Protein backbone atom coordinates (compact mmCIF):
# COMPACT_ATOMS: atom_id res chain seq x y z
CA UNK A 1 0.00 0.00 0.00
CA UNK A 2 2.73 2.44 0.97
CA UNK A 3 4.71 1.58 -2.17
CA UNK A 4 1.68 2.29 -4.32
CA UNK A 5 1.27 5.64 -2.61
CA UNK A 6 4.93 6.48 -3.31
CA UNK A 7 4.53 5.51 -6.97
CA UNK A 8 1.45 7.71 -7.26
CA UNK A 9 3.28 10.63 -5.69
CA UNK A 10 6.25 10.14 -8.00
CA UNK A 11 4.01 10.02 -11.08
CA UNK A 12 2.21 13.13 -9.88
CA UNK A 13 5.56 14.86 -9.35
CA UNK A 14 6.75 13.90 -12.86
CA UNK A 15 3.48 15.11 -14.36
CA UNK A 16 3.79 18.41 -12.52
CA UNK A 17 7.42 18.79 -13.64
CA UNK A 18 6.38 18.12 -17.24
CA UNK A 19 3.62 20.71 -16.93
CA UNK A 20 6.10 23.26 -15.59
CA UNK A 21 8.41 22.60 -18.56
CA UNK A 22 5.53 23.10 -21.00
CA UNK A 23 4.56 26.34 -19.27
CA UNK A 24 8.12 27.62 -19.48
CA UNK A 25 8.22 26.82 -23.20
CA UNK A 26 4.93 28.63 -23.77
CA UNK A 27 6.10 31.64 -21.74
CA UNK A 28 9.37 31.78 -23.67
CA UNK A 29 7.62 31.69 -27.02
CA UNK A 30 5.12 34.36 -25.91
CA UNK A 31 8.00 36.50 -24.74
CA UNK A 32 9.77 36.10 -28.11
CA UNK A 33 6.56 36.99 -29.92
CA UNK A 34 6.12 40.09 -27.78
CA UNK A 35 9.71 41.09 -28.48
CA UNK A 36 9.15 40.70 -32.23
CA UNK A 37 5.96 42.79 -32.00
CA UNK A 38 7.83 45.44 -30.06
CA UNK A 39 10.63 45.51 -32.64
CA UNK A 40 8.25 45.79 -35.57
CA UNK A 41 6.34 48.57 -33.77
CA UNK A 42 9.60 50.44 -33.17
CA UNK A 43 10.56 49.98 -36.80
CA UNK A 44 7.16 51.22 -37.98
CA UNK A 45 7.43 54.26 -35.72
CA UNK A 46 10.94 54.95 -36.97
CA UNK A 47 9.80 54.72 -40.59
CA UNK A 48 6.79 56.94 -39.88
CA UNK A 49 9.11 59.46 -38.25
CA UNK A 50 11.44 59.40 -41.23
CA UNK A 51 8.66 59.86 -43.76
CA UNK A 52 7.13 62.61 -41.64
CA UNK A 53 10.48 64.40 -41.51
CA UNK A 54 10.88 64.03 -45.26
CA UNK A 55 7.36 65.43 -45.78
CA UNK A 56 8.22 68.40 -43.53
CA UNK A 57 11.38 69.05 -45.52
CA UNK A 58 9.41 68.91 -48.78
CA UNK A 59 6.88 71.39 -47.37
CA UNK A 60 9.66 73.73 -46.25
CA UNK A 61 11.24 73.63 -49.71
CA UNK A 62 7.88 74.20 -51.37
CA UNK A 63 7.10 77.10 -49.07
CA UNK A 64 10.51 78.65 -49.73
CA UNK A 65 10.14 78.41 -53.52
CA UNK A 66 6.61 79.87 -53.26
CA UNK A 67 8.00 82.83 -51.28
CA UNK A 68 10.80 83.27 -53.80
CA UNK A 69 8.40 83.34 -56.74
CA UNK A 70 6.15 85.82 -54.87
CA UNK A 71 9.17 88.07 -54.29
CA UNK A 72 10.12 87.76 -57.97
CA UNK A 73 6.63 88.66 -59.18
CA UNK A 74 6.57 91.65 -56.80
CA UNK A 75 9.92 92.77 -58.19
CA UNK A 76 8.63 92.37 -61.74
CA UNK A 77 5.55 94.46 -60.90
CA UNK A 78 7.62 97.26 -59.38
CA UNK A 79 9.90 97.34 -62.44
CA UNK A 80 6.88 98.05 -64.64
C-alpha atoms as a PDB file:
ATOM      1  CA  UNK A   1       0.000   0.000   0.000  1.00  0.00           C
ATOM      2  CA  UNK A   2       2.733   2.440   0.968  1.00  0.00           C
ATOM      3  CA  UNK A   3       4.708   1.575  -2.173  1.00  0.00           C
ATOM      4  CA  UNK A   4       1.676   2.291  -4.319  1.00  0.00           C
ATOM      5  CA  UNK A   5       1.274   5.636  -2.610  1.00  0.00           C
ATOM      6  CA  UNK A   6       4.925   6.479  -3.306  1.00  0.00           C
ATOM      7  CA  UNK A   7       4.531   5.510  -6.974  1.00  0.00           C
ATOM      8  CA  UNK A   8       1.447   7.706  -7.264  1.00  0.00           C
ATOM      9  CA  UNK A   9       3.277  10.632  -5.694  1.00  0.00           C
ATOM     10  CA  UNK A  10       6.249  10.143  -7.998  1.00  0.00           C
ATOM     11  CA  UNK A  11       4.015  10.017 -11.078  1.00  0.00           C
ATOM     12  CA  UNK A  12       2.214  13.135  -9.879  1.00  0.00           C
ATOM     13  CA  UNK A  13       5.565  14.856  -9.348  1.00  0.00           C
ATOM     14  CA  UNK A  14       6.747  13.895 -12.856  1.00  0.00           C
ATOM     15  CA  UNK A  15       3.478  15.106 -14.363  1.00  0.00           C
ATOM     16  CA  UNK A  16       3.794  18.413 -12.518  1.00  0.00           C
ATOM     17  CA  UNK A  17       7.422  18.788 -13.637  1.00  0.00           C
ATOM     18  CA  UNK A  18       6.384  18.123 -17.237  1.00  0.00           C
ATOM     19  CA  UNK A  19       3.621  20.713 -16.933  1.00  0.00           C
ATOM     20  CA  UNK A  20       6.102  23.260 -15.587  1.00  0.00           C
ATOM     21  CA  UNK A  21       8.411  22.603 -18.557  1.00  0.00           C
ATOM     22  CA  UNK A  22       5.533  23.103 -20.998  1.00  0.00           C
ATOM     23  CA  UNK A  23       4.559  26.338 -19.272  1.00  0.00           C
ATOM     24  CA  UNK A  24       8.124  27.616 -19.477  1.00  0.00           C
ATOM     25  CA  UNK A  25       8.223  26.821 -23.203  1.00  0.00           C
ATOM     26  CA  UNK A  26       4.925  28.631 -23.774  1.00  0.00           C
ATOM     27  CA  UNK A  27       6.100  31.635 -21.744  1.00  0.00           C
ATOM     28  CA  UNK A  28       9.372  31.783 -23.668  1.00  0.00           C
ATOM     29  CA  UNK A  29       7.616  31.686 -27.024  1.00  0.00           C
ATOM     30  CA  UNK A  30       5.123  34.361 -25.913  1.00  0.00           C
ATOM     31  CA  UNK A  31       7.998  36.504 -24.737  1.00  0.00           C
ATOM     32  CA  UNK A  32       9.771  36.098 -28.108  1.00  0.00           C
ATOM     33  CA  UNK A  33       6.557  36.985 -29.920  1.00  0.00           C
ATOM     34  CA  UNK A  34       6.115  40.092 -27.775  1.00  0.00           C
ATOM     35  CA  UNK A  35       9.712  41.088 -28.481  1.00  0.00           C
ATOM     36  CA  UNK A  36       9.147  40.699 -32.232  1.00  0.00           C
ATOM     37  CA  UNK A  37       5.960  42.787 -32.002  1.00  0.00           C
ATOM     38  CA  UNK A  38       7.833  45.444 -30.063  1.00  0.00           C
ATOM     39  CA  UNK A  39      10.634  45.513 -32.641  1.00  0.00           C
ATOM     40  CA  UNK A  40       8.247  45.790 -35.565  1.00  0.00           C
ATOM     41  CA  UNK A  41       6.343  48.565 -33.773  1.00  0.00           C
ATOM     42  CA  UNK A  42       9.600  50.437 -33.171  1.00  0.00           C
ATOM     43  CA  UNK A  43      10.561  49.975 -36.799  1.00  0.00           C
ATOM     44  CA  UNK A  44       7.163  51.219 -37.979  1.00  0.00           C
ATOM     45  CA  UNK A  45       7.430  54.264 -35.717  1.00  0.00           C
ATOM     46  CA  UNK A  46      10.943  54.949 -36.970  1.00  0.00           C
ATOM     47  CA  UNK A  47       9.800  54.721 -40.592  1.00  0.00           C
ATOM     48  CA  UNK A  48       6.789  56.938 -39.880  1.00  0.00           C
ATOM     49  CA  UNK A  49       9.108  59.462 -38.250  1.00  0.00           C
ATOM     50  CA  UNK A  50      11.445  59.398 -41.229  1.00  0.00           C
ATOM     51  CA  UNK A  51       8.663  59.860 -43.763  1.00  0.00           C
ATOM     52  CA  UNK A  52       7.125  62.613 -41.636  1.00  0.00           C
ATOM     53  CA  UNK A  53      10.480  64.404 -41.511  1.00  0.00           C
ATOM     54  CA  UNK A  54      10.880  64.029 -45.262  1.00  0.00           C
ATOM     55  CA  UNK A  55       7.358  65.432 -45.779  1.00  0.00           C
ATOM     56  CA  UNK A  56       8.219  68.403 -43.531  1.00  0.00           C
ATOM     57  CA  UNK A  57      11.382  69.054 -45.516  1.00  0.00           C
ATOM     58  CA  UNK A  58       9.406  68.909 -48.777  1.00  0.00           C
ATOM     59  CA  UNK A  59       6.884  71.389 -47.366  1.00  0.00           C
ATOM     60  CA  UNK A  60       9.655  73.725 -46.246  1.00  0.00           C
ATOM     61  CA  UNK A  61      11.241  73.631 -49.709  1.00  0.00           C
ATOM     62  CA  UNK A  62       7.875  74.197 -51.371  1.00  0.00           C
ATOM     63  CA  UNK A  63       7.097  77.099 -49.074  1.00  0.00           C
ATOM     64  CA  UNK A  64      10.512  78.645 -49.732  1.00  0.00           C
ATOM     65  CA  UNK A  65      10.140  78.409 -53.515  1.00  0.00           C
ATOM     66  CA  UNK A  66       6.610  79.867 -53.255  1.00  0.00           C
ATOM     67  CA  UNK A  67       8.004  82.827 -51.282  1.00  0.00           C
ATOM     68  CA  UNK A  68      10.800  83.273 -53.800  1.00  0.00           C
ATOM     69  CA  UNK A  69       8.396  83.342 -56.738  1.00  0.00           C
ATOM     70  CA  UNK A  70       6.150  85.818 -54.870  1.00  0.00           C
ATOM     71  CA  UNK A  71       9.170  88.073 -54.291  1.00  0.00           C
ATOM     72  CA  UNK A  72      10.125  87.765 -57.973  1.00  0.00           C
ATOM     73  CA  UNK A  73       6.629  88.658 -59.176  1.00  0.00           C
ATOM     74  CA  UNK A  74       6.567  91.655 -56.798  1.00  0.00           C
ATOM     75  CA  UNK A  75       9.924  92.773 -58.190  1.00  0.00           C
ATOM     76  CA  UNK A  76       8.629  92.371 -61.740  1.00  0.00           C
ATOM     77  CA  UNK A  77       5.551  94.461 -60.896  1.00  0.00           C
ATOM     78  CA  UNK A  78       7.618  97.256 -59.378  1.00  0.00           C
ATOM     79  CA  UNK A  79       9.902  97.339 -62.438  1.00  0.00           C
ATOM     80  CA  UNK A  80       6.879  98.053 -64.642  1.00  0.00           C
END
